[in-house]
Amino acid sequence: MKIADTDELRLFSQFVVEKVKDGDASLSPEETLDEWRTLHPDPEFDALEVEAIRDMENGDLGRNANQVMAELRAEFGLDK
């Protein structure tokens, strides 16, 4: 784990502890993580999303799911 990841995990842990202390523990773990991500966006992830949206606007709809699944089955030696 990188130092930046460790720092982010520590900060997230503090965020959760503060929510519980403040009596704001009504959110599910997933909702709490969503709130954290809203308050602390990841610029690298956001840039990837913007790039993917631009690709779609330019006609690149990605790869066919059946093709991807076939490649994964072949890679891992799985039968259908």
Protein backbone atom coordinates (compact mmCIF):
# COMPACT_ATOMS: atom_id res chain seq x y z
CA MET A 1 0.00 0.00 0.00
CA LYS A 2 1.37 3.42 -0.95
CA ILE A 3 1.80 6.14 1.67
CA ALA A 4 -0.89 8.23 -0.05
CA ASP A 5 -3.28 5.27 0.21
CA THR A 6 -2.44 4.86 3.90
CA ASP A 7 -3.09 8.55 4.54
CA GLU A 8 -6.39 8.41 2.68
CA LEU A 9 -7.46 5.33 4.63
CA ARG A 10 -6.56 7.05 7.92
CA LEU A 11 -8.54 10.16 6.92
CA PHE A 12 -11.52 8.06 5.84
CA SER A 13 -11.41 6.19 9.15
CA GLN A 14 -11.46 9.50 11.02
CA PHE A 15 -14.39 10.63 8.83
CA VAL A 16 -16.39 7.52 9.79
CA VAL A 17 -15.54 7.88 13.50
CA GLU A 18 -16.67 11.52 13.46
CA LYS A 19 -19.96 10.59 11.76
CA VAL A 20 -20.65 8.01 14.45
CA LYS A 21 -19.65 10.41 17.27
CA ASP A 22 -21.97 13.07 15.83
CA GLY A 23 -24.85 10.61 15.86
CA ASP A 24 -24.93 10.52 12.06
CA ALA A 25 -24.57 6.76 11.73
CA SER A 26 -27.81 6.30 9.80
CA LEU A 27 -26.01 5.78 6.49
CA SER A 28 -25.01 2.34 5.26
CA PRO A 29 -21.30 1.67 4.73
CA GLU A 30 -21.80 2.12 0.98
CA GLU A 31 -23.62 5.42 1.47
CA THR A 32 -20.87 6.62 3.81
CA LEU A 33 -18.24 5.76 1.21
CA ASP A 34 -20.29 7.56 -1.47
CA GLU A 35 -20.44 10.66 0.74
CA TRP A 36 -16.67 10.48 1.32
CA ARG A 37 -16.04 10.21 -2.42
CA THR A 38 -18.34 13.18 -3.08
CA LEU A 39 -16.41 15.26 -0.54
CA HIS A 40 -12.99 13.99 -1.68
CA PRO A 41 -13.09 13.37 -5.45
CA ASP A 42 -10.20 11.56 -7.10
CA PRO A 43 -8.96 13.78 -9.97
CA GLU A 44 -7.33 10.80 -11.74
CA PHE A 45 -10.58 8.81 -11.67
CA ASP A 46 -12.58 11.85 -12.78
CA ALA A 47 -10.24 12.35 -15.73
CA LEU A 48 -10.77 8.72 -16.80
CA GLU A 49 -14.54 9.18 -16.63
CA VAL A 50 -14.38 12.35 -18.74
CA GLU A 51 -12.20 10.55 -21.29
CA ALA A 52 -14.64 7.63 -21.46
CA ILE A 53 -17.59 9.98 -21.97
CA ARG A 54 -15.76 11.80 -24.76
CA ASP A 55 -14.95 8.47 -26.40
CA MET A 56 -18.63 7.51 -26.29
CA GLU A 57 -19.66 10.88 -27.74
CA ASN A 58 -17.22 10.21 -30.58
CA GLY A 59 -18.85 6.86 -31.32
CA ASP A 60 -16.60 4.50 -29.34
CA LEU A 61 -19.05 2.34 -27.43
CA GLY A 62 -16.39 0.12 -25.93
CA ARG A 63 -16.10 -3.61 -26.33
CA ASN A 64 -18.85 -6.16 -26.68
CA ALA A 65 -19.51 -7.85 -23.33
CA ASN A 66 -19.74 -11.29 -24.97
CA GLN A 67 -16.32 -10.77 -26.54
CA VAL A 68 -14.80 -9.71 -23.21
CA MET A 69 -16.33 -12.71 -21.42
CA ALA A 70 -15.04 -15.09 -24.11
CA GLU A 71 -11.54 -13.62 -23.73
CA LEU A 72 -11.68 -14.02 -19.94
CA ARG A 73 -12.91 -17.62 -20.22
CA ALA A 74 -10.05 -18.39 -22.62
CA GLU A 75 -7.49 -16.61 -20.43
CA PHE A 76 -8.52 -18.49 -17.31
CA GLY A 77 -9.33 -21.79 -18.98
CA LEU A 78 -13.04 -21.70 -18.12
CA ASP A 79 -15.75 -23.38 -20.12
CA LYS A 80 -19.05 -21.68 -20.89
